[in-house]
Protein backbone atom coordinates (compact mmCIF):
# COMPACT_ATOMS: atom_id res chain seq x y z
CA MET A 1 -23.67 30.17 -4.89
CA HIS A 2 -26.06 29.07 -2.19
CA VAL A 3 -25.09 29.33 1.51
CA LEU A 4 -27.02 27.91 4.43
CA LEU A 5 -26.40 29.89 7.62
CA VAL A 6 -27.49 28.19 10.89
CA GLU A 7 -27.08 30.75 13.68
CA ASP A 8 -29.36 31.41 16.63
CA GLU A 9 -28.01 34.97 17.33
CA VAL A 10 -30.51 36.78 15.14
CA PRO A 11 -28.63 40.13 14.84
CA LEU A 12 -25.41 38.33 13.93
CA ALA A 13 -27.22 36.10 11.43
CA GLU A 14 -28.76 39.12 9.76
CA MET A 15 -25.41 40.94 9.59
CA VAL A 16 -23.76 37.91 7.97
CA ARG A 17 -26.68 37.40 5.61
CA ARG A 18 -26.54 40.99 4.41
CA GLY A 19 -22.82 40.83 3.93
CA LEU A 20 -22.96 37.61 1.93
CA ALA A 21 -25.90 38.86 -0.12
CA ALA A 22 -23.90 41.93 -1.01
CA GLU A 23 -21.14 39.65 -2.27
CA GLY A 24 -23.59 37.85 -4.54
CA TYR A 25 -24.40 34.81 -2.47
CA ALA A 26 -27.91 33.42 -2.07
CA VAL A 27 -28.39 32.92 1.67
CA GLN A 28 -30.88 30.83 3.60
CA VAL A 29 -30.95 31.43 7.36
CA THR A 30 -32.28 29.15 10.09
CA HIS A 31 -32.04 29.73 13.84
CA ASP A 32 -32.09 26.26 15.40
CA GLY A 33 -30.47 22.91 14.86
CA VAL A 34 -33.59 21.00 13.83
CA ALA A 35 -34.47 23.50 11.08
CA GLY A 36 -30.84 23.70 10.10
CA LEU A 37 -30.54 19.96 9.58
CA ALA A 38 -33.73 19.86 7.55
CA ALA A 39 -32.45 22.66 5.35
CA ALA A 40 -29.03 21.05 4.98
CA SER A 41 -30.67 17.78 3.94
CA SER A 42 -32.35 19.42 0.96
CA GLY A 43 -29.08 19.35 -1.01
CA ARG A 44 -29.68 22.86 -2.37
CA HIS A 45 -26.63 24.47 -0.74
CA ASP A 46 -23.00 24.79 -1.81
CA VAL A 47 -21.73 25.39 1.70
CA VAL A 48 -23.10 25.43 5.27
CA VAL A 49 -22.02 27.90 7.99
CA LEU A 50 -23.01 26.19 11.25
CA ASP A 51 -22.96 27.48 14.79
CA ILE A 52 -22.26 24.89 17.52
CA MET A 53 -24.44 26.19 20.39
CA LEU A 54 -27.95 25.88 18.87
CA PRO A 55 -31.31 25.27 20.39
CA GLY A 56 -33.07 22.01 19.54
CA LEU A 57 -30.01 20.21 18.16
CA SER A 58 -26.37 21.24 18.61
CA GLY A 59 -24.19 22.02 15.63
CA TYR A 60 -22.14 18.92 16.47
CA ARG A 61 -25.22 16.69 16.09
CA VAL A 62 -26.30 18.46 12.91
CA LEU A 63 -22.92 17.83 11.42
CA GLU A 64 -22.79 14.26 12.64
CA ARG A 65 -26.20 13.45 11.10
CA MET A 66 -25.28 15.16 7.81
CA ARG A 67 -22.17 13.02 7.40
CA ALA A 68 -23.90 9.86 8.51
CA ALA A 69 -26.50 10.45 5.80
CA GLY A 70 -23.76 10.85 3.18
CA ASN A 71 -24.22 14.62 2.91
CA TRP A 72 -20.74 15.95 2.03
CA THR A 73 -21.66 19.63 1.64
CA PRO A 74 -18.71 21.67 2.98
CA VAL A 75 -19.33 22.83 6.55
CA LEU A 76 -17.67 25.82 8.27
CA MET A 77 -18.27 25.84 12.03
CA LEU A 78 -18.84 29.40 13.27
CA THR A 79 -18.77 29.50 17.06
CA ALA A 80 -17.72 31.22 20.27
CA LYS A 81 -16.22 27.88 21.52
CA ASP A 82 -12.49 28.42 21.03
CA GLY A 83 -11.03 25.46 22.92
CA GLU A 84 -8.68 23.13 21.05
CA TYR A 85 -10.75 20.15 22.03
CA ASP A 86 -13.91 21.82 20.69
CA GLU A 87 -12.16 22.37 17.40
CA ALA A 88 -10.80 18.83 17.32
CA ASP A 89 -14.28 17.44 17.95
CA ALA A 90 -15.67 19.44 15.05
CA PHE A 91 -13.00 18.21 12.63
CA ASP A 92 -13.35 14.59 13.84
CA LEU A 93 -17.10 14.78 13.11
CA GLY A 94 -16.39 15.94 9.56
CA ALA A 95 -16.18 19.76 9.61
CA ASP A 96 -14.19 21.35 6.80
CA ASP A 97 -13.24 24.58 8.58
CA TYR A 98 -13.67 26.33 11.96
CA LEU A 99 -13.96 30.04 12.64
CA VAL A 100 -14.17 31.55 16.12
CA LYS A 101 -16.34 34.53 17.14
CA PRO A 102 -15.72 37.44 17.01
CA PHE A 103 -14.46 37.10 13.48
CA SER A 104 -13.45 39.19 10.50
CA PHE A 105 -16.00 39.17 7.72
CA VAL A 106 -13.18 39.38 5.20
CA VAL A 107 -11.70 36.16 6.68
CA LEU A 108 -15.15 34.50 6.55
CA LEU A 109 -15.44 35.29 2.88
CA ALA A 110 -11.95 33.94 2.20
CA ARG A 111 -12.71 30.70 4.08
CA LEU A 112 -15.95 30.28 2.10
CA ARG A 113 -14.19 30.81 -1.19
CA SER A 114 -11.62 28.17 -0.17
CA LEU A 115 -14.36 25.66 0.67
CA LEU A 116 -16.21 26.30 -2.55
CA ARG A 117 -13.04 25.70 -4.58
CA ARG A 118 -12.44 22.40 -2.88
CA ARG A 119 -16.06 21.32 -3.42
CA GLY A 120 -15.36 20.74 -7.11
CA ASP A 121 -13.57 17.49 -6.34
CA ALA A 122 -16.48 15.03 -6.92
CA ARG A 123 -16.67 11.98 -4.73
CA PRO A 124 -16.99 8.64 -6.52
CA SER A 125 -19.65 6.17 -5.52
CA VAL A 126 -17.30 3.39 -4.35
CA LEU A 127 -13.51 3.19 -4.17
CA GLN A 128 -11.70 -0.16 -4.32
CA VAL A 129 -8.07 -1.15 -3.99
CA GLY A 130 -7.58 -4.92 -4.00
CA THR A 131 -10.07 -6.33 -1.53
CA LEU A 132 -10.46 -3.02 0.30
CA ARG A 133 -13.63 -1.08 -0.48
CA LEU A 134 -14.65 2.39 0.69
CA ASP A 135 -18.11 3.82 0.18
CA PRO A 136 -18.04 7.65 0.67
CA ALA A 137 -21.78 8.07 0.48
CA ARG A 138 -22.55 5.52 3.22
CA HIS A 139 -19.25 6.16 5.13
CA ARG A 140 -18.42 2.46 5.28
CA VAL A 141 -15.22 0.48 4.74
CA PHE A 142 -14.83 -3.27 4.03
CA ARG A 143 -11.96 -5.71 3.63
CA ASP A 144 -13.60 -8.55 1.65
CA ASP A 145 -16.86 -9.02 3.59
CA THR A 146 -15.56 -7.73 6.91
CA GLU A 147 -16.65 -4.19 7.83
CA ILE A 148 -13.97 -1.97 9.41
CA THR A 149 -14.93 0.82 11.80
CA LEU A 150 -12.91 4.03 11.32
CA THR A 151 -13.01 7.49 12.96
CA PRO A 152 -14.00 10.35 10.66
CA ARG A 153 -10.33 11.47 10.44
CA GLU A 154 -9.10 7.94 9.66
CA PHE A 155 -11.82 7.63 7.04
CA GLY A 156 -10.69 10.91 5.45
CA VAL A 157 -7.04 9.87 5.24
CA LEU A 158 -7.93 6.48 3.82
CA GLU A 159 -10.31 7.99 1.24
CA HIS A 160 -7.63 10.46 0.11
CA LEU A 161 -5.05 7.66 -0.35
CA MET A 162 -7.54 5.42 -2.19
CA ARG A 163 -8.63 8.19 -4.50
CA ARG A 164 -4.95 8.44 -5.55
CA ALA A 165 -4.12 4.75 -5.49
CA GLY A 166 -0.80 4.07 -7.15
CA GLU A 167 0.34 7.63 -6.73
CA VAL A 168 2.78 9.03 -4.20
CA VAL A 169 0.93 11.33 -1.78
CA THR A 170 2.90 13.63 0.54
CA LYS A 171 2.02 14.34 4.14
CA THR A 172 1.34 17.96 3.20
CA ASP A 173 -1.16 16.77 0.51
CA ILE A 174 -2.97 14.69 3.09
CA LEU A 175 -3.07 17.57 5.64
CA ARG A 176 -4.53 19.94 3.04
CA ALA A 177 -7.20 17.48 1.96
CA VAL A 178 -8.23 16.02 5.35
CA TRP A 179 -7.35 18.60 7.98
CA ASP A 180 -8.46 22.25 8.12
CA ALA A 181 -6.76 24.39 5.42
CA HIS A 182 -5.47 26.57 8.23
CA TYR A 183 -4.05 23.76 10.37
CA GLU A 184 -0.76 24.81 11.93
CA GLY A 185 0.21 21.71 13.92
CA GLU A 186 2.90 19.13 13.22
CA VAL A 187 2.89 17.49 9.82
CA ASN A 188 3.89 14.21 11.55
CA VAL A 189 0.30 13.80 12.79
CA VAL A 190 -0.26 12.17 9.41
CA GLU A 191 2.14 9.34 10.43
CA VAL A 192 0.05 8.72 13.52
CA TYR A 193 -3.14 8.30 11.48
CA VAL A 194 -1.45 6.13 8.85
CA GLY A 195 -0.37 3.92 11.77
CA TYR A 196 -3.96 3.78 13.05
CA LEU A 197 -5.14 2.77 9.61
CA ARG A 198 -2.54 0.01 9.21
CA ARG A 199 -3.65 -1.49 12.51
CA LYS A 200 -7.25 -1.60 11.25
CA ILE A 201 -7.21 -2.27 7.50
CA ASP A 202 -4.06 -4.42 7.25
CA ALA A 203 -2.80 -5.98 10.42
CA PRO A 204 -5.91 -8.13 11.16
CA PHE A 205 -5.86 -9.45 7.57
CA GLY A 206 -2.10 -10.06 7.20
CA THR A 207 -1.76 -7.50 4.39
CA ALA A 208 0.23 -4.33 3.72
CA SER A 209 -1.64 -1.76 1.61
CA ILE A 210 0.03 1.57 2.46
CA GLU A 211 3.61 1.85 1.34
CA THR A 212 5.91 4.40 3.04
CA LEU A 213 8.40 6.20 0.82
CA ARG A 214 10.78 7.70 3.30
CA GLY A 215 11.24 11.43 2.87
CA VAL A 216 8.53 11.54 0.22
CA GLY A 217 5.16 10.23 1.41
CA TYR A 218 2.79 7.30 1.05
CA ARG A 219 1.39 5.16 -1.71
CA MET A 220 -1.77 3.04 -1.66
CA ALA A 221 -1.49 -0.16 -3.67
CA ASP A 222 -2.93 -3.65 -3.97
CA PRO A 223 -2.07 -5.36 -0.70
CA THR A 224 0.90 -7.64 -0.45
CA PRO A 225 1.38 -10.23 2.34
CA ALA A 226 2.58 -8.49 5.46
């Protein structure tokens, strides 16, 4: 497995590199955001470990540009910034996990293994349910010919529902797929985001695409008149 480590603290980067190499990972290390983005864009890596506070280009901007370019390589943010808003910003930009310094190397390995397991779920080129289309590679959503602007989190929830169109998807399933695997907040946050989606993908078009099954979850289907 190939890991890209983008970390400007050279001693820490070398310690992590040696530890990962001892576990059998092939590790490429860069020490600034510009070089990190260039390396991440090569498509040669299975996972990226990305610091936030980087010279040249912050980890936030590296992540943002990766996702905007359709690069879905799993990203674990490794940072000293431990505020809840910092973490929320990272996930909203498309991070897959978030680990605060100082950290346990054993936990880092476990998080990487989790990300690598999830990476096996290949993304299709375009998803379509009725007149709603979602392009994961270009990160764009359309209802007929009208483009709909979604936040990264809204996009993730919609993609998960569309990938399982016709199936009942629980709130827990959505949390595990779209939020951090270690998220410990309220499961009802999913209801909030489903509400956001309905106001964007259905309400303006007079349709109802996301069915609520009370006590069970949600189901994405061909839209019916609202």
